[in-house]
Amino acid sequence: MKSTTSKALPCAVFGHNYVKSKTNSDQTAELTCSHCNTVVKTDASGNFEDLSVSNKHIQTTLRQLFHLKLQTNKPKFS
């Protein structure tokens, strides 16, 4: 059995207390637990999906690439 930290103890006993942290344009939402900071994502049907570390890394990288693309495609008026 895994040991539980004091910060995650309410989650182990009562369950997570999710708060909507982000709403995406594709009708999905990211929920964060207010006690242990666990992040889950809802799909279009409302089902929960855990965001693993690799998914977070991929998502962050894609977001950075998107912003770089936006910056390079801006017309420069001089």
PDB file of N, CA and C in Angstrom:
ATOM      1  N   MET A   1       0.837  -1.175   0.000  1.00  0.00           N
ATOM      2  CA  MET A   1       0.000   0.000   0.000  1.00  0.00           C
ATOM      3  C   MET A   1       0.884   1.242   0.000  1.00  0.00           C
ATOM      4  N   LYS A   2       0.509   2.229  -0.829  1.00  0.00           N
ATOM      5  CA  LYS A   2       1.289   3.452  -0.920  1.00  0.00           C
ATOM      6  C   LYS A   2       1.006   4.341   0.276  1.00  0.00           C
ATOM      7  N   SER A   3       2.042   5.039   0.729  1.00  0.00           N
ATOM      8  CA  SER A   3       1.840   5.984   1.818  1.00  0.00           C
ATOM      9  C   SER A   3       1.183   7.240   1.254  1.00  0.00           C
ATOM     10  N   THR A   4       0.363   7.878   2.056  1.00  0.00           N
ATOM     11  CA  THR A   4      -0.363   9.065   1.632  1.00  0.00           C
ATOM     12  C   THR A   4       0.191  10.276   2.359  1.00  0.00           C
ATOM     13  N   THR A   5       0.489  11.328   1.607  1.00  0.00           N
ATOM     14  CA  THR A   5       0.979  12.548   2.233  1.00  0.00           C
ATOM     15  C   THR A   5      -0.179  13.251   2.924  1.00  0.00           C
ATOM     16  N   SER A   6       0.148  14.154   3.834  1.00  0.00           N
ATOM     17  CA  SER A   6      -0.906  14.862   4.561  1.00  0.00           C
ATOM     18  C   SER A   6      -1.699  15.778   3.642  1.00  0.00           C
ATOM     19  N   LYS A   7      -1.075  16.228   2.545  1.00  0.00           N
ATOM     20  CA  LYS A   7      -1.773  17.089   1.603  1.00  0.00           C
ATOM     21  C   LYS A   7      -2.819  16.308   0.809  1.00  0.00           C
ATOM     22  N   ALA A   8      -2.541  15.028   0.518  1.00  0.00           N
ATOM     23  CA  ALA A   8      -3.449  14.207  -0.271  1.00  0.00           C
ATOM     24  C   ALA A   8      -4.367  13.357   0.604  1.00  0.00           C
ATOM     25  N   LEU A   9      -4.256  13.471   1.910  1.00  0.00           N
ATOM     26  CA  LEU A   9      -5.074  12.660   2.804  1.00  0.00           C
ATOM     27  C   LEU A   9      -6.574  12.893   2.622  1.00  0.00           C
ATOM     28  N   PRO A  10      -7.058  14.123   2.493  1.00  0.00           N
ATOM     29  CA  PRO A  10      -8.496  14.300   2.257  1.00  0.00           C
ATOM     30  C   PRO A  10      -8.953  13.634   0.966  1.00  0.00           C
ATOM     31  N   CYS A  11      -8.104  13.604  -0.039  1.00  0.00           N
ATOM     32  CA  CYS A  11      -8.463  12.966  -1.302  1.00  0.00           C
ATOM     33  C   CYS A  11      -8.567  11.452  -1.129  1.00  0.00           C
ATOM     34  N   ALA A  12      -7.682  10.888  -0.325  1.00  0.00           N
ATOM     35  CA  ALA A  12      -7.717   9.448  -0.096  1.00  0.00           C
ATOM     36  C   ALA A  12      -8.948   9.038   0.700  1.00  0.00           C
ATOM     37  N   VAL A  13      -9.397   9.898   1.606  1.00  0.00           N
ATOM     38  CA  VAL A  13     -10.536   9.558   2.459  1.00  0.00           C
ATOM     39  C   VAL A  13     -11.862   9.930   1.799  1.00  0.00           C
ATOM     40  N   PHE A  14     -11.977  11.160   1.306  1.00  0.00           N
ATOM     41  CA  PHE A  14     -13.258  11.669   0.821  1.00  0.00           C
ATOM     42  C   PHE A  14     -13.361  11.737  -0.696  1.00  0.00           C
ATOM     43  N   GLY A  15     -12.261  11.616  -1.399  1.00  0.00           N
ATOM     44  CA  GLY A  15     -12.262  11.771  -2.850  1.00  0.00           C
ATOM     45  C   GLY A  15     -11.761  13.161  -3.214  1.00  0.00           C
ATOM     46  N   HIS A  16     -11.505  13.350  -4.489  1.00  0.00           N
ATOM     47  CA  HIS A  16     -10.946  14.624  -4.959  1.00  0.00           C
ATOM     48  C   HIS A  16     -12.008  15.715  -4.975  1.00  0.00           C
ATOM     49  N   ASN A  17     -11.556  16.949  -4.812  1.00  0.00           N
ATOM     50  CA  ASN A  17     -12.417  18.129  -4.918  1.00  0.00           C
ATOM     51  C   ASN A  17     -11.956  18.898  -6.155  1.00  0.00           C
ATOM     52  N   TYR A  18     -12.528  18.536  -7.314  1.00  0.00           N
ATOM     53  CA  TYR A  18     -12.092  19.117  -8.578  1.00  0.00           C
ATOM     54  C   TYR A  18     -12.673  20.504  -8.791  1.00  0.00           C
ATOM     55  N   VAL A  19     -11.815  21.389  -9.312  1.00  0.00           N
ATOM     56  CA  VAL A  19     -12.193  22.751  -9.667  1.00  0.00           C
ATOM     57  C   VAL A  19     -11.788  22.945 -11.122  1.00  0.00           C
ATOM     58  N   LYS A  20     -12.668  23.544 -11.924  1.00  0.00           N
ATOM     59  CA  LYS A  20     -12.358  23.753 -13.339  1.00  0.00           C
ATOM     60  C   LYS A  20     -11.227  24.769 -13.459  1.00  0.00           C
ATOM     61  N   SER A  21     -10.122  24.337 -14.043  1.00  0.00           N
ATOM     62  CA  SER A  21      -8.969  25.214 -14.160  1.00  0.00           C
ATOM     63  C   SER A  21      -8.821  25.789 -15.563  1.00  0.00           C
ATOM     64  N   LYS A  22      -9.403  25.109 -16.554  1.00  0.00           N
ATOM     65  CA  LYS A  22      -9.245  25.579 -17.918  1.00  0.00           C
ATOM     66  C   LYS A  22     -10.344  24.985 -18.778  1.00  0.00           C
ATOM     67  N   THR A  23     -10.912  25.789 -19.681  1.00  0.00           N
ATOM     68  CA  THR A  23     -11.890  25.304 -20.641  1.00  0.00           C
ATOM     69  C   THR A  23     -11.288  25.437 -22.029  1.00  0.00           C
ATOM     70  N   ASN A  24     -11.300  24.349 -22.775  1.00  0.00           N
ATOM     71  CA  ASN A  24     -10.719  24.341 -24.108  1.00  0.00           C
ATOM     72  C   ASN A  24     -11.794  24.620 -25.149  1.00  0.00           C
ATOM     73  N   SER A  25     -11.371  24.983 -26.346  1.00  0.00           N
ATOM     74  CA  SER A  25     -12.315  25.329 -27.403  1.00  0.00           C
ATOM     75  C   SER A  25     -13.062  24.118 -27.955  1.00  0.00           C
ATOM     76  N   ASP A  26     -12.567  22.921 -27.718  1.00  0.00           N
ATOM     77  CA  ASP A  26     -13.226  21.727 -28.232  1.00  0.00           C
ATOM     78  C   ASP A  26     -14.195  21.116 -27.218  1.00  0.00           C
ATOM     79  N   GLN A  27     -14.749  21.952 -26.352  1.00  0.00           N
ATOM     80  CA  GLN A  27     -15.749  21.563 -25.349  1.00  0.00           C
ATOM     81  C   GLN A  27     -15.211  20.572 -24.326  1.00  0.00           C
ATOM     82  N   THR A  28     -13.929  20.600 -24.079  1.00  0.00           N
ATOM     83  CA  THR A  28     -13.342  19.804 -23.008  1.00  0.00           C
ATOM     84  C   THR A  28     -12.873  20.755 -21.919  1.00  0.00           C
ATOM     85  N   ALA A  29     -12.650  20.222 -20.732  1.00  0.00           N
ATOM     86  CA  ALA A  29     -12.211  21.050 -19.615  1.00  0.00           C
ATOM     87  C   ALA A  29     -11.118  20.330 -18.850  1.00  0.00           C
ATOM     88  N   GLU A  30     -10.224  21.105 -18.272  1.00  0.00           N
ATOM     89  CA  GLU A  30      -9.218  20.560 -17.376  1.00  0.00           C
ATOM     90  C   GLU A  30      -9.654  20.854 -15.953  1.00  0.00           C
ATOM     91  N   LEU A  31      -9.634  19.835 -15.124  1.00  0.00           N
ATOM     92  CA  LEU A  31     -10.036  19.963 -13.734  1.00  0.00           C
ATOM     93  C   LEU A  31      -8.828  19.696 -12.849  1.00  0.00           C
ATOM     94  N   THR A  32      -8.669  20.503 -11.810  1.00  0.00           N
ATOM     95  CA  THR A  32      -7.554  20.358 -10.878  1.00  0.00           C
ATOM     96  C   THR A  32      -8.116  20.154  -9.482  1.00  0.00           C
ATOM     97  N   CYS A  33      -7.562  19.185  -8.758  1.00  0.00           N
ATOM     98  CA  CYS A  33      -7.987  18.949  -7.377  1.00  0.00           C
ATOM     99  C   CYS A  33      -7.428  20.072  -6.505  1.00  0.00           C
ATOM    100  N   SER A  34      -8.280  20.647  -5.674  1.00  0.00           N
ATOM    101  CA  SER A  34      -7.845  21.773  -4.840  1.00  0.00           C
ATOM    102  C   SER A  34      -6.946  21.326  -3.689  1.00  0.00           C
ATOM    103  N   HIS A  35      -6.906  20.032  -3.389  1.00  0.00           N
ATOM    104  CA  HIS A  35      -6.075  19.543  -2.284  1.00  0.00           C
ATOM    105  C   HIS A  35      -4.714  19.022  -2.757  1.00  0.00           C
ATOM    106  N   CYS A  36      -4.724  18.130  -3.763  1.00  0.00           N
ATOM    107  CA  CYS A  36      -3.465  17.471  -4.152  1.00  0.00           C
ATOM    108  C   CYS A  36      -2.963  17.888  -5.526  1.00  0.00           C
ATOM    109  N   ASN A  37      -3.649  18.810  -6.191  1.00  0.00           N
ATOM    110  CA  ASN A  37      -3.255  19.348  -7.491  1.00  0.00           C
ATOM    111  C   ASN A  37      -3.179  18.303  -8.593  1.00  0.00           C
ATOM    112  N   THR A  38      -3.977  17.239  -8.507  1.00  0.00           N
ATOM    113  CA  THR A  38      -4.081  16.259  -9.566  1.00  0.00           C
ATOM    114  C   THR A  38      -4.889  16.871 -10.700  1.00  0.00           C
ATOM    115  N   VAL A  39      -4.420  16.700 -11.936  1.00  0.00           N
ATOM    116  CA  VAL A  39      -5.098  17.277 -13.089  1.00  0.00           C
ATOM    117  C   VAL A  39      -5.724  16.161 -13.911  1.00  0.00           C
ATOM    118  N   VAL A  40      -6.997  16.310 -14.252  1.00  0.00           N
ATOM    119  CA  VAL A  40      -7.678  15.397 -15.159  1.00  0.00           C
ATOM    120  C   VAL A  40      -8.342  16.232 -16.248  1.00  0.00           C
ATOM    121  N   LYS A  41      -8.623  15.600 -17.346  1.00  0.00           N
ATOM    122  CA  LYS A  41      -9.244  16.275 -18.479  1.00  0.00           C
ATOM    123  C   LYS A  41     -10.532  15.548 -18.806  1.00  0.00           C
ATOM    124  N   THR A  42     -11.572  16.299 -19.148  1.00  0.00           N
ATOM    125  CA  THR A  42     -12.820  15.674 -19.583  1.00  0.00           C
ATOM    126  C   THR A  42     -12.853  15.662 -21.101  1.00  0.00           C
ATOM    127  N   ASP A  43     -13.405  14.593 -21.672  1.00  0.00           N
ATOM    128  CA  ASP A  43     -13.552  14.554 -23.121  1.00  0.00           C
ATOM    129  C   ASP A  43     -14.909  15.127 -23.507  1.00  0.00           C
ATOM    130  N   ALA A  44     -15.260  15.062 -24.773  1.00  0.00           N
ATOM    131  CA  ALA A  44     -16.513  15.652 -25.258  1.00  0.00           C
ATOM    132  C   ALA A  44     -17.733  14.976 -24.631  1.00  0.00           C
ATOM    133  N   SER A  45     -17.595  13.728 -24.209  1.00  0.00           N
ATOM    134  CA  SER A  45     -18.710  13.000 -23.587  1.00  0.00           C
ATOM    135  C   SER A  45     -18.807  13.242 -22.089  1.00  0.00           C
ATOM    136  N   GLY A  46     -17.802  13.889 -21.497  1.00  0.00           N
ATOM    137  CA  GLY A  46     -17.797  14.153 -20.064  1.00  0.00           C
ATOM    138  C   GLY A  46     -17.051  13.115 -19.251  1.00  0.00           C
ATOM    139  N   ASN A  47     -16.378  12.192 -19.919  1.00  0.00           N
ATOM    140  CA  ASN A  47     -15.592  11.168 -19.217  1.00  0.00           C
ATOM    141  C   ASN A  47     -14.250  11.745 -18.797  1.00  0.00           C
ATOM    142  N   PHE A  48     -13.727  11.274 -17.662  1.00  0.00           N
ATOM    143  CA  PHE A  48     -12.451  11.744 -17.140  1.00  0.00           C
ATOM    144  C   PHE A  48     -11.298  10.991 -17.782  1.00  0.00           C
ATOM    145  N   GLU A  49     -10.233  11.720 -18.110  1.00  0.00           N
ATOM    146  CA  GLU A  49      -8.987  11.138 -18.600  1.00  0.00           C
ATOM    147  C   GLU A  49      -7.850  11.709 -17.776  1.00  0.00           C
ATOM    148  N   ASP A  50      -6.987  10.860 -17.255  1.00  0.00           N
ATOM    149  CA  ASP A  50      -5.822  11.337 -16.502  1.00  0.00           C
ATOM    150  C   ASP A  50      -4.816  11.922 -17.471  1.00  0.00           C
ATOM    151  N   LEU A  51      -4.210  13.031 -17.085  1.00  0.00           N
ATOM    152  CA  LEU A  51      -3.129  13.603 -17.873  1.00  0.00           C
ATOM    153  C   LEU A  51      -1.825  13.078 -17.308  1.00  0.00           C
ATOM    154  N   SER A  52      -1.177  12.213 -18.060  1.00  0.00           N
ATOM    155  CA  SER A  52       0.088  11.674 -17.589  1.00  0.00           C
ATOM    156  C   SER A  52       1.193  12.698 -17.837  1.00  0.00           C
ATOM    157  N   VAL A  53       2.357  12.423 -17.303  1.00  0.00           N
ATOM    158  CA  VAL A  53       3.481  13.340 -17.431  1.00  0.00           C
ATOM    159  C   VAL A  53       3.857  13.514 -18.900  1.00  0.00           C
ATOM    160  N   SER A  54       3.860  12.427 -19.673  1.00  0.00           N
ATOM    161  CA  SER A  54       4.233  12.538 -21.080  1.00  0.00           C
ATOM    162  C   SER A  54       3.199  13.346 -21.852  1.00  0.00           C
ATOM    163  N   ASN A  55       1.896  13.186 -21.516  1.00  0.00           N
ATOM    164  CA  ASN A  55       0.867  13.974 -22.182  1.00  0.00           C
ATOM    165  C   ASN A  55       1.031  15.460 -21.865  1.00  0.00           C
ATOM    166  N   LYS A  56       1.369  15.780 -20.629  1.00  0.00           N
ATOM    167  CA  LYS A  56       1.577  17.172 -20.248  1.00  0.00           C
ATOM    168  C   LYS A  56       2.759  17.761 -21.009  1.00  0.00           C
ATOM    169  N   HIS A  57       3.826  16.979 -21.133  1.00  0.00           N
ATOM    170  CA  HIS A  57       5.018  17.448 -21.835  1.00  0.00           C
ATOM    171  C   HIS A  57       4.705  17.668 -23.314  1.00  0.00           C
ATOM    172  N   ILE A  58       4.004  16.743 -23.925  1.00  0.00           N
ATOM    173  CA  ILE A  58       3.634  16.875 -25.333  1.00  0.00           C
ATOM    174  C   ILE A  58       2.720  18.070 -25.528  1.00  0.00           C
ATOM    175  N   GLN A  59       1.765  18.232 -24.642  1.00  0.00           N
ATOM    176  CA  GLN A  59       0.816  19.340 -24.736  1.00  0.00           C
ATOM    177  C   GLN A  59       1.526  20.689 -24.591  1.00  0.00           C
ATOM    178  N   THR A  60       2.454  20.785 -23.673  1.00  0.00           N
ATOM    179  CA  THR A  60       3.206  22.024 -23.480  1.00  0.00           C
ATOM    180  C   THR A  60       4.056  22.341 -24.708  1.00  0.00           C
ATOM    181  N   THR A  61       4.691  21.329 -25.274  1.00  0.00           N
ATOM    182  CA  THR A  61       5.520  21.523 -26.458  1.00  0.00           C
ATOM    183  C   THR A  61       4.680  21.959 -27.649  1.00  0.00           C
ATOM    184  N   LEU A  62       3.532  21.331 -27.846  1.00  0.00           N
ATOM    185  CA  LEU A  62       2.650  21.718 -28.943  1.00  0.00           C
ATOM    186  C   LEU A  62       2.139  23.145 -28.771  1.00  0.00           C
ATOM    187  N   ARG A  63       1.837  23.543 -27.542  1.00  0.00           N
ATOM    188  CA  ARG A  63       1.381  24.902 -27.284  1.00  0.00           C
ATOM    189  C   ARG A  63       2.480  25.905 -27.622  1.00  0.00           C
ATOM    190  N   GLN A  64       3.734  25.592 -27.249  1.00  0.00           N
ATOM    191  CA  GLN A  64       4.848  26.474 -27.558  1.00  0.00           C
ATOM    192  C   GLN A  64       5.069  26.594 -29.064  1.00  0.00           C
ATOM    193  N   LEU A  65       4.960  25.466 -29.782  1.00  0.00           N
ATOM    194  CA  LEU A  65       5.112  25.500 -31.232  1.00  0.00           C
ATOM    195  C   LEU A  65       4.007  26.323 -31.886  1.00  0.00           C
ATOM    196  N   PHE A  66       2.801  26.196 -31.389  1.00  0.00           N
ATOM    197  CA  PHE A  66       1.681  26.963 -31.920  1.00  0.00           C
ATOM    198  C   PHE A  66       1.914  28.459 -31.745  1.00  0.00           C
ATOM    199  N   HIS A  67       2.373  28.857 -30.569  1.00  0.00           N
ATOM    200  CA  HIS A  67       2.632  30.270 -30.319  1.00  0.00           C
ATOM    201  C   HIS A  67       3.793  30.792 -31.168  1.00  0.00           C
ATOM    202  N   LEU A  68       4.807  29.979 -31.382  1.00  0.00           N
ATOM    203  CA  LEU A  68       5.905  30.377 -32.267  1.00  0.00           C
ATOM    204  C   LEU A  68       5.413  30.560 -33.694  1.00  0.00           C
ATOM    205  N   LYS A  69       4.530  29.657 -34.131  1.00  0.00           N
ATOM    206  CA  LYS A  69       3.971  29.760 -35.475  1.00  0.00           C
ATOM    207  C   LYS A  69       3.151  31.042 -35.614  1.00  0.00           C
ATOM    208  N   LEU A  70       2.385  31.383 -34.592  1.00  0.00           N
ATOM    209  CA  LEU A  70       1.606  32.615 -34.634  1.00  0.00           C
ATOM    210  C   LEU A  70       2.507  33.837 -34.724  1.00  0.00           C
ATOM    211  N   GLN A  71       3.599  33.809 -33.998  1.00  0.00           N
ATOM    212  CA  GLN A  71       4.522  34.945 -34.001  1.00  0.00           C
ATOM    213  C   GLN A  71       5.212  35.110 -35.347  1.00  0.00           C
ATOM    214  N   THR A  72       5.558  34.018 -36.002  1.00  0.00           N
ATOM    215  CA  THR A  72       6.264  34.112 -37.273  1.00  0.00           C
ATOM    216  C   THR A  72       5.323  34.438 -38.427  1.00  0.00           C
ATOM    217  N   ASN A  73       4.040  34.161 -38.295  1.00  0.00           N
ATOM    218  CA  ASN A  73       3.087  34.420 -39.369  1.00  0.00           C
ATOM    219  C   ASN A  73       2.463  35.810 -39.303  1.00  0.00           C
ATOM    220  N   LYS A  74       2.771  36.578 -38.286  1.00  0.00           N
ATOM    221  CA  LYS A  74       2.210  37.919 -38.189  1.00  0.00           C
ATOM    222  C   LYS A  74       2.801  38.807 -39.273  1.00  0.00           C
ATOM    223  N   PRO A  75       1.934  39.534 -39.988  1.00  0.00           N
ATOM    224  CA  PRO A  75       2.478  40.452 -40.998  1.00  0.00           C
ATOM    225  C   PRO A  75       3.166  41.630 -40.329  1.00  0.00           C
ATOM    226  N   LYS A  76       4.289  42.011 -40.858  1.00  0.00           N
ATOM    227  CA  LYS A  76       5.057  43.119 -40.294  1.00  0.00           C
ATOM    228  C   LYS A  76       4.865  44.333 -41.191  1.00  0.00           C
ATOM    229  N   PHE A  77       4.270  45.337 -40.626  1.00  0.00           N
ATOM    230  CA  PHE A  77       4.042  46.587 -41.341  1.00  0.00           C
ATOM    231  C   PHE A  77       5.150  47.575 -40.964  1.00  0.00           C
ATOM    232  N   SER A  78       5.765  48.151 -41.975  1.00  0.00           N
ATOM    233  CA  SER A  78       6.811  49.114 -41.672  1.00  0.00           C
ATOM    234  C   SER A  78       6.664  50.374 -42.471  1.00  0.00           C
TER     235      SER A  78
END
